[in-house]
Amino acid sequence: MHTVIRNYTGTGATELFDLLDQRKAEVEGLIRAINGFVSYSLFRTETGGVSVTVCEDKSGTDESVQVAKDWIRENGRGLDVTPPIVTEGTNILQLQ
């Protein structure tokens, strides 16, 4: 398993998470379609929000990063969102 965490802070982050909240069903469809998808969490923070994607391997999390980037570029026009801080790695333990 491989996990990628995208931490959105700064310019446009709060507005981005407002948009993501409004379009949850669309986001869910995009993420579930990723090859090797295992789990996904999206949550707000005081400064914006965080997404956590778990896939069977790195190619799935790489795809999720690209899907997120494309979706924000297409749907978040005018928000001027600061790129997220991306952290990723191989899972040691996965509980559900």
N, C-alpha and C. Protein backbone atom coordinates (compact mmCIF):
# COMPACT_ATOMS: atom_id res chain seq x y z
N MET A 1 0.84 -1.18 0.00
CA MET A 1 0.00 0.00 0.00
C MET A 1 0.88 1.25 0.00
N HIS A 2 0.34 2.30 -0.57
CA HIS A 2 1.06 3.57 -0.66
C HIS A 2 0.06 4.69 -0.34
N THR A 3 0.52 5.69 0.41
CA THR A 3 -0.33 6.80 0.83
C THR A 3 0.25 8.12 0.37
N VAL A 4 -0.64 9.03 -0.05
CA VAL A 4 -0.23 10.39 -0.35
C VAL A 4 -1.16 11.33 0.42
N ILE A 5 -0.53 12.33 1.05
CA ILE A 5 -1.25 13.34 1.82
C ILE A 5 -1.01 14.68 1.14
N ARG A 6 -2.10 15.40 0.85
CA ARG A 6 -1.99 16.73 0.24
C ARG A 6 -2.56 17.73 1.24
N ASN A 7 -1.71 18.63 1.71
CA ASN A 7 -2.09 19.62 2.71
C ASN A 7 -2.21 20.98 2.03
N TYR A 8 -3.44 21.48 1.95
CA TYR A 8 -3.73 22.75 1.30
C TYR A 8 -3.84 23.85 2.34
N THR A 9 -2.97 24.84 2.25
CA THR A 9 -3.01 26.02 3.12
C THR A 9 -2.76 27.23 2.24
N GLY A 10 -2.90 28.38 2.81
CA GLY A 10 -2.57 29.59 2.06
C GLY A 10 -3.71 30.06 1.19
N THR A 11 -3.36 30.84 0.19
CA THR A 11 -4.32 31.48 -0.69
C THR A 11 -5.28 30.47 -1.31
N GLY A 12 -6.56 30.73 -1.17
CA GLY A 12 -7.60 29.94 -1.82
C GLY A 12 -7.92 28.60 -1.18
N ALA A 13 -7.22 28.20 -0.13
CA ALA A 13 -7.42 26.87 0.44
C ALA A 13 -8.82 26.70 1.05
N THR A 14 -9.26 27.67 1.82
CA THR A 14 -10.59 27.56 2.44
C THR A 14 -11.67 27.54 1.36
N GLU A 15 -11.53 28.38 0.36
CA GLU A 15 -12.51 28.43 -0.74
C GLU A 15 -12.49 27.11 -1.53
N LEU A 16 -11.32 26.53 -1.71
CA LEU A 16 -11.22 25.24 -2.40
C LEU A 16 -12.01 24.18 -1.63
N PHE A 17 -11.87 24.14 -0.32
CA PHE A 17 -12.58 23.13 0.46
C PHE A 17 -14.07 23.39 0.51
N ASP A 18 -14.49 24.64 0.39
CA ASP A 18 -15.92 24.94 0.23
C ASP A 18 -16.42 24.33 -1.08
N LEU A 19 -15.66 24.49 -2.15
CA LEU A 19 -16.02 23.94 -3.46
C LEU A 19 -16.03 22.41 -3.42
N LEU A 20 -15.02 21.82 -2.82
CA LEU A 20 -14.97 20.35 -2.70
C LEU A 20 -16.17 19.82 -1.93
N ASP A 21 -16.56 20.52 -0.89
CA ASP A 21 -17.72 20.12 -0.10
C ASP A 21 -19.00 20.16 -0.94
N GLN A 22 -19.13 21.18 -1.75
CA GLN A 22 -20.31 21.33 -2.61
C GLN A 22 -20.35 20.25 -3.70
N ARG A 23 -19.18 19.74 -4.10
CA ARG A 23 -19.11 18.81 -5.24
C ARG A 23 -18.57 17.45 -4.82
N LYS A 24 -18.90 17.02 -3.61
CA LYS A 24 -18.42 15.75 -3.05
C LYS A 24 -18.68 14.56 -3.97
N ALA A 25 -19.86 14.47 -4.53
CA ALA A 25 -20.21 13.32 -5.37
C ALA A 25 -19.29 13.23 -6.59
N GLU A 26 -19.02 14.36 -7.19
CA GLU A 26 -18.12 14.39 -8.36
C GLU A 26 -16.71 13.96 -7.96
N VAL A 27 -16.22 14.50 -6.85
CA VAL A 27 -14.88 14.16 -6.36
C VAL A 27 -14.81 12.67 -6.05
N GLU A 28 -15.84 12.15 -5.39
CA GLU A 28 -15.85 10.72 -5.06
C GLU A 28 -15.74 9.86 -6.32
N GLY A 29 -16.48 10.20 -7.35
CA GLY A 29 -16.42 9.44 -8.59
C GLY A 29 -15.04 9.44 -9.21
N LEU A 30 -14.38 10.57 -9.19
CA LEU A 30 -13.02 10.66 -9.75
C LEU A 30 -12.02 9.84 -8.96
N ILE A 31 -12.10 9.92 -7.64
CA ILE A 31 -11.14 9.22 -6.80
C ILE A 31 -11.37 7.71 -6.83
N ARG A 32 -12.61 7.29 -6.76
CA ARG A 32 -12.90 5.85 -6.79
C ARG A 32 -12.46 5.19 -8.10
N ALA A 33 -12.38 5.96 -9.18
CA ALA A 33 -11.98 5.42 -10.48
C ALA A 33 -10.47 5.22 -10.62
N ILE A 34 -9.70 5.68 -9.66
CA ILE A 34 -8.24 5.56 -9.72
C ILE A 34 -7.85 4.09 -9.58
N ASN A 35 -6.95 3.66 -10.43
CA ASN A 35 -6.48 2.28 -10.43
C ASN A 35 -5.82 1.95 -9.09
N GLY A 36 -6.30 0.89 -8.43
CA GLY A 36 -5.72 0.47 -7.16
C GLY A 36 -6.23 1.24 -5.95
N PHE A 37 -7.31 2.01 -6.12
CA PHE A 37 -7.89 2.79 -5.02
C PHE A 37 -8.21 1.90 -3.82
N VAL A 38 -7.84 2.37 -2.61
CA VAL A 38 -8.16 1.67 -1.37
C VAL A 38 -9.03 2.54 -0.47
N SER A 39 -8.59 3.78 -0.20
CA SER A 39 -9.37 4.66 0.66
C SER A 39 -9.03 6.12 0.39
N TYR A 40 -9.93 7.00 0.84
CA TYR A 40 -9.76 8.43 0.64
C TYR A 40 -10.42 9.17 1.78
N SER A 41 -9.76 10.17 2.31
CA SER A 41 -10.34 11.06 3.32
C SER A 41 -10.06 12.50 2.92
N LEU A 42 -11.02 13.35 3.18
CA LEU A 42 -10.91 14.77 2.88
C LEU A 42 -11.44 15.49 4.10
N PHE A 43 -10.61 16.35 4.71
CA PHE A 43 -11.07 17.04 5.90
C PHE A 43 -10.55 18.47 5.96
N ARG A 44 -11.34 19.30 6.63
CA ARG A 44 -10.98 20.71 6.81
C ARG A 44 -10.00 20.85 7.97
N THR A 45 -9.17 21.90 7.87
CA THR A 45 -8.29 22.31 8.96
C THR A 45 -8.54 23.79 9.20
N GLU A 46 -7.87 24.35 10.19
CA GLU A 46 -8.04 25.78 10.46
C GLU A 46 -7.55 26.65 9.32
N THR A 47 -6.63 26.12 8.50
CA THR A 47 -6.03 26.93 7.43
C THR A 47 -6.39 26.45 6.04
N GLY A 48 -7.31 25.50 5.91
CA GLY A 48 -7.68 24.98 4.59
C GLY A 48 -8.20 23.57 4.71
N GLY A 49 -7.35 22.60 4.32
CA GLY A 49 -7.78 21.21 4.42
C GLY A 49 -6.72 20.25 3.95
N VAL A 50 -7.02 18.97 4.14
CA VAL A 50 -6.08 17.89 3.82
C VAL A 50 -6.84 16.77 3.13
N SER A 51 -6.19 16.15 2.16
CA SER A 51 -6.71 14.91 1.58
C SER A 51 -5.69 13.82 1.81
N VAL A 52 -6.20 12.61 2.06
CA VAL A 52 -5.35 11.43 2.28
C VAL A 52 -5.86 10.34 1.36
N THR A 53 -5.01 9.89 0.45
CA THR A 53 -5.37 8.84 -0.50
C THR A 53 -4.48 7.64 -0.27
N VAL A 54 -5.10 6.46 -0.17
CA VAL A 54 -4.36 5.21 -0.07
C VAL A 54 -4.70 4.37 -1.29
N CYS A 55 -3.65 3.88 -1.94
CA CYS A 55 -3.81 3.01 -3.10
C CYS A 55 -2.94 1.78 -2.92
N GLU A 56 -3.14 0.81 -3.77
CA GLU A 56 -2.37 -0.43 -3.69
C GLU A 56 -0.89 -0.20 -3.95
N ASP A 57 -0.57 0.81 -4.76
CA ASP A 57 0.83 1.09 -5.06
C ASP A 57 1.03 2.56 -5.43
N LYS A 58 2.28 2.94 -5.64
CA LYS A 58 2.63 4.34 -5.92
C LYS A 58 2.00 4.85 -7.21
N SER A 59 1.83 3.98 -8.19
CA SER A 59 1.24 4.47 -9.45
C SER A 59 -0.18 4.99 -9.21
N GLY A 60 -0.92 4.36 -8.29
CA GLY A 60 -2.26 4.84 -7.97
C GLY A 60 -2.23 6.19 -7.27
N THR A 61 -1.33 6.37 -6.32
CA THR A 61 -1.26 7.67 -5.64
C THR A 61 -0.74 8.74 -6.58
N ASP A 62 0.17 8.39 -7.48
CA ASP A 62 0.63 9.36 -8.49
C ASP A 62 -0.55 9.80 -9.35
N GLU A 63 -1.38 8.85 -9.75
CA GLU A 63 -2.56 9.18 -10.54
C GLU A 63 -3.49 10.09 -9.74
N SER A 64 -3.65 9.83 -8.45
CA SER A 64 -4.55 10.66 -7.62
C SER A 64 -4.05 12.10 -7.54
N VAL A 65 -2.74 12.28 -7.44
CA VAL A 65 -2.16 13.63 -7.41
C VAL A 65 -2.48 14.36 -8.72
N GLN A 66 -2.34 13.67 -9.84
CA GLN A 66 -2.62 14.29 -11.13
C GLN A 66 -4.10 14.60 -11.29
N VAL A 67 -4.96 13.67 -10.88
CA VAL A 67 -6.41 13.89 -10.95
C VAL A 67 -6.80 15.12 -10.12
N ALA A 68 -6.24 15.22 -8.91
CA ALA A 68 -6.54 16.37 -8.04
C ALA A 68 -6.07 17.67 -8.69
N LYS A 69 -4.86 17.65 -9.21
CA LYS A 69 -4.30 18.86 -9.85
C LYS A 69 -5.17 19.29 -11.03
N ASP A 70 -5.58 18.32 -11.86
CA ASP A 70 -6.40 18.64 -13.03
C ASP A 70 -7.77 19.18 -12.61
N TRP A 71 -8.38 18.55 -11.59
CA TRP A 71 -9.70 18.98 -11.14
C TRP A 71 -9.66 20.40 -10.61
N ILE A 72 -8.64 20.70 -9.82
CA ILE A 72 -8.52 22.05 -9.25
C ILE A 72 -8.29 23.07 -10.36
N ARG A 73 -7.45 22.73 -11.33
CA ARG A 73 -7.19 23.65 -12.44
C ARG A 73 -8.48 23.93 -13.22
N GLU A 74 -9.30 22.89 -13.45
CA GLU A 74 -10.51 23.04 -14.25
C GLU A 74 -11.67 23.66 -13.46
N ASN A 75 -11.79 23.35 -12.20
CA ASN A 75 -12.96 23.74 -11.42
C ASN A 75 -12.71 24.86 -10.43
N GLY A 76 -11.46 25.12 -10.12
CA GLY A 76 -11.13 26.14 -9.13
C GLY A 76 -10.60 27.41 -9.74
N ARG A 77 -10.97 27.67 -10.98
CA ARG A 77 -10.54 28.91 -11.63
C ARG A 77 -10.96 30.10 -10.79
N GLY A 78 -10.07 31.02 -10.64
CA GLY A 78 -10.37 32.22 -9.88
C GLY A 78 -10.05 32.11 -8.40
N LEU A 79 -9.76 30.89 -7.93
CA LEU A 79 -9.44 30.73 -6.51
C LEU A 79 -7.97 31.00 -6.22
N ASP A 80 -7.13 30.89 -7.24
CA ASP A 80 -5.68 31.12 -7.09
C ASP A 80 -5.13 30.30 -5.92
N VAL A 81 -5.38 28.99 -5.97
CA VAL A 81 -5.02 28.09 -4.87
C VAL A 81 -3.51 27.86 -4.83
N THR A 82 -2.94 28.04 -3.65
CA THR A 82 -1.53 27.71 -3.43
C THR A 82 -1.37 26.20 -3.57
N PRO A 83 -0.36 25.72 -4.32
CA PRO A 83 -0.17 24.27 -4.44
C PRO A 83 0.00 23.63 -3.06
N PRO A 84 -0.50 22.39 -2.92
CA PRO A 84 -0.43 21.73 -1.61
C PRO A 84 0.98 21.25 -1.28
N ILE A 85 1.21 21.03 0.01
CA ILE A 85 2.40 20.32 0.46
C ILE A 85 2.06 18.85 0.34
N VAL A 86 2.85 18.11 -0.43
CA VAL A 86 2.58 16.70 -0.69
C VAL A 86 3.57 15.85 0.09
N THR A 87 3.03 14.89 0.85
CA THR A 87 3.83 13.93 1.59
C THR A 87 3.35 12.54 1.19
N GLU A 88 4.29 11.64 0.91
CA GLU A 88 3.87 10.31 0.50
C GLU A 88 4.86 9.25 0.96
N GLY A 89 4.38 8.02 0.99
CA GLY A 89 5.27 6.93 1.37
C GLY A 89 4.54 5.59 1.39
N THR A 90 5.32 4.55 1.60
CA THR A 90 4.80 3.19 1.67
C THR A 90 4.22 2.94 3.06
N ASN A 91 3.03 2.36 3.09
CA ASN A 91 2.37 2.09 4.37
C ASN A 91 3.11 1.02 5.16
N ILE A 92 3.18 1.24 6.44
CA ILE A 92 3.69 0.23 7.37
C ILE A 92 2.50 -0.55 7.94
N LEU A 93 1.41 0.16 8.21
CA LEU A 93 0.23 -0.44 8.81
C LEU A 93 -1.00 0.24 8.24
N GLN A 94 -1.98 -0.53 7.83
CA GLN A 94 -3.23 0.02 7.28
C GLN A 94 -4.39 -0.63 8.03
N LEU A 95 -5.11 0.14 8.84
CA LEU A 95 -6.26 -0.36 9.60
C LEU A 95 -7.51 0.30 9.08
N GLN A 96 -8.61 -0.45 9.07
CA GLN A 96 -9.90 0.13 8.66
C GLN A 96 -11.00 -0.45 9.49
